[in-house]
C-alpha atoms as a PDB file:
ATOM      1  CA  GLU A   1     105.171  85.605  96.083  1.00  0.00           C
ATOM      2  CA  LEU A   2     102.746  85.083  93.214  1.00  0.00           C
ATOM      3  CA  LEU A   3     102.111  88.839  92.997  1.00  0.00           C
ATOM      4  CA  GLU A   4     105.843  89.513  92.821  1.00  0.00           C
ATOM      5  CA  GLN A   5     106.122  86.983  90.011  1.00  0.00           C
ATOM      6  CA  GLY A   6     103.233  88.716  88.259  1.00  0.00           C
ATOM      7  CA  TRP A   7     104.961  92.085  88.627  1.00  0.00           C
ATOM      8  CA  LYS A   8     108.047  90.681  86.929  1.00  0.00           C
ATOM      9  CA  THR A   9     105.980  88.990  84.210  1.00  0.00           C
ATOM     10  CA  VAL A  10     103.525  91.756  83.318  1.00  0.00           C
ATOM     11  CA  PRO A  11     105.212  94.077  80.789  1.00  0.00           C
ATOM     12  CA  ALA A  12     106.189  97.467  82.170  1.00  0.00           C
ATOM     13  CA  GLN A  13     104.053  99.193  79.529  1.00  0.00           C
ATOM     14  CA  ASP A  14     100.937  97.328  80.753  1.00  0.00           C
ATOM     15  CA  LEU A  15      99.920 100.041  83.201  1.00  0.00           C
ATOM     16  CA  LYS A  16      96.496  98.505  83.829  1.00  0.00           C
ATOM     17  CA  GLY A  17      97.930  95.096  84.637  1.00  0.00           C
ATOM     18  CA  ARG A  18     100.496  96.532  86.998  1.00  0.00           C
ATOM     19  CA  ALA A  19      97.936  98.822  88.635  1.00  0.00           C
ATOM     20  CA  ASP A  20      95.765  95.763  89.239  1.00  0.00           C
ATOM     21  CA  LEU A  21      98.674  94.098  91.031  1.00  0.00           C
ATOM     22  CA  ALA A  22      99.207  97.200  93.178  1.00  0.00           C
ATOM     23  CA  GLU A  23      95.514  97.182  94.093  1.00  0.00           C
ATOM     24  CA  GLU A  24      95.743  93.526  95.070  1.00  0.00           C
ATOM     25  CA  TRP A  25      98.672  94.266  97.368  1.00  0.00           C
ATOM     26  CA  GLU A  26      96.569  97.025  98.873  1.00  0.00           C
ATOM     27  CA  ARG A  27      93.574  94.682  99.367  1.00  0.00           C
ATOM     28  CA  ARG A  28      95.838  92.182 101.115  1.00  0.00           C
ATOM     29  CA  GLY A  29      97.111  94.867 103.471  1.00  0.00           C
ATOM     30  CA  GLU A  30     100.595  94.932 101.939  1.00  0.00           C
ATOM     31  CA  LEU A  31     100.517  98.723 101.798  1.00  0.00           C
ATOM     32  CA  PRO A  32     104.271  99.391 101.595  1.00  0.00           C
ATOM     33  CA  ARG A  33     104.558  97.094  98.564  1.00  0.00           C
ATOM     34  CA  ALA A  34     101.492  98.641  96.966  1.00  0.00           C
ATOM     35  CA  LEU A  35     102.999 102.081  97.484  1.00  0.00           C
ATOM     36  CA  GLN A  36     106.290 101.001  95.963  1.00  0.00           C
ATOM     37  CA  ALA A  37     104.478  99.698  92.886  1.00  0.00           C
ATOM     38  CA  LEU A  38     102.385 102.859  92.497  1.00  0.00           C
ATOM     39  CA  GLU A  39     105.438 105.076  92.881  1.00  0.00           C
ATOM     40  CA  GLU A  40     107.110 103.146  90.085  1.00  0.00           C
ATOM     41  CA  LEU A  41     104.022 103.502  87.884  1.00  0.00           C
ATOM     42  CA  ASP A  42     103.874 107.206  88.723  1.00  0.00           C
ATOM     43  CA  ARG A  43     107.435 107.677  87.509  1.00  0.00           C
ATOM     44  CA  GLN A  44     106.607 105.773  84.344  1.00  0.00           C
ATOM     45  CA  ALA A  45     103.330 107.549  83.559  1.00  0.00           C
ATOM     46  CA  PRO A  46     103.104 110.634  85.790  1.00  0.00           C
ATOM     47  CA  ASN A  47      99.976 112.188  84.269  1.00  0.00           C
ATOM     48  CA  THR A  48      97.653 109.182  84.177  1.00  0.00           C
ATOM     49  CA  PRO A  49      94.477 110.115  86.094  1.00  0.00           C
ATOM     50  CA  GLU A  50      93.608 106.549  87.141  1.00  0.00           C
ATOM     51  CA  LEU A  51      97.097 106.022  88.564  1.00  0.00           C
ATOM     52  CA  ILE A  52      97.037 109.373  90.321  1.00  0.00           C
ATOM     53  CA  LEU A  53      93.756 108.414  92.023  1.00  0.00           C
ATOM     54  CA  LEU A  54      95.093 105.019  93.111  1.00  0.00           C
ATOM     55  CA  HIS A  55      98.277 106.566  94.436  1.00  0.00           C
ATOM     56  CA  ALA A  56      96.456 109.355  96.279  1.00  0.00           C
ATOM     57  CA  ARG A  57      93.976 106.887  97.812  1.00  0.00           C
ATOM     58  CA  LEU A  58      96.803 104.765  99.140  1.00  0.00           C
ATOM     59  CA  LEU A  59      98.627 107.797 100.505  1.00  0.00           C
ATOM     60  CA  PHE A  60      95.387 108.754 102.262  1.00  0.00           C
ATOM     61  CA  LYS A  61      95.131 105.269 103.814  1.00  0.00           C
ATOM     62  CA  LEU A  62      98.700 105.616 105.021  1.00  0.00           C
ATOM     63  CA  GLN A  63      97.765 108.955 106.652  1.00  0.00           C
ATOM     64  CA  ARG A  64     100.133 110.835 104.349  1.00  0.00           C
ATOM     65  CA  LEU A  65      97.541 113.495 103.706  1.00  0.00           C
ATOM     66  CA  PRO A  66      99.768 116.329 102.434  1.00  0.00           C
ATOM     67  CA  GLU A  67     101.217 113.998  99.797  1.00  0.00           C
ATOM     68  CA  ALA A  68      97.752 112.786  98.789  1.00  0.00           C
ATOM     69  CA  ARG A  69      96.566 116.360  98.469  1.00  0.00           C
ATOM     70  CA  GLN A  70      99.623 117.266  96.387  1.00  0.00           C
ATOM     71  CA  LYS A  71      98.748 114.442  93.977  1.00  0.00           C
ATOM     72  CA  LEU A  72      95.052 115.323  93.743  1.00  0.00           C
ATOM     73  CA  GLU A  73      95.077 119.123  93.436  1.00  0.00           C
ATOM     74  CA  PRO A  74      96.526 119.243  89.885  1.00  0.00           C
ATOM     75  CA  LEU A  75      94.129 116.497  88.812  1.00  0.00           C
ATOM     76  CA  VAL A  76      91.118 118.346  90.201  1.00  0.00           C
ATOM     77  CA  ALA A  77      92.264 121.552  88.524  1.00  0.00           C
ATOM     78  CA  ALA A  78      92.735 119.795  85.186  1.00  0.00           C
ATOM     79  CA  MET A  79      89.578 117.666  85.434  1.00  0.00           C
ATOM     80  CA  PRO A  80      87.037 119.412  87.664  1.00  0.00           C
ATOM     81  CA  ASP A  81      84.215 117.188  86.380  1.00  0.00           C
ATOM     82  CA  ASN A  82      86.028 113.970  87.332  1.00  0.00           C
ATOM     83  CA  ALA A  83      83.775 112.703  90.122  1.00  0.00           C
ATOM     84  CA  PRO A  84      86.210 110.213  91.719  1.00  0.00           C
END
């Protein structure tokens, strides 16, 4: 409940703050809610490498491998030296 309140309180343009909330949902095992948050962030800022990595990692955890790959391939092509 506190995380939901945080989501409503943190300004939509605070991508880092909202990404932190999504990661906390993920840590707590609330993967569907984390995915929902990351999908919203992806729509808001579709070309943000940090968000792409978070989203792809969660998709991987959810065994949605083709979707994770689809997220990562353009990032790898654009940033081949990005180790993560």
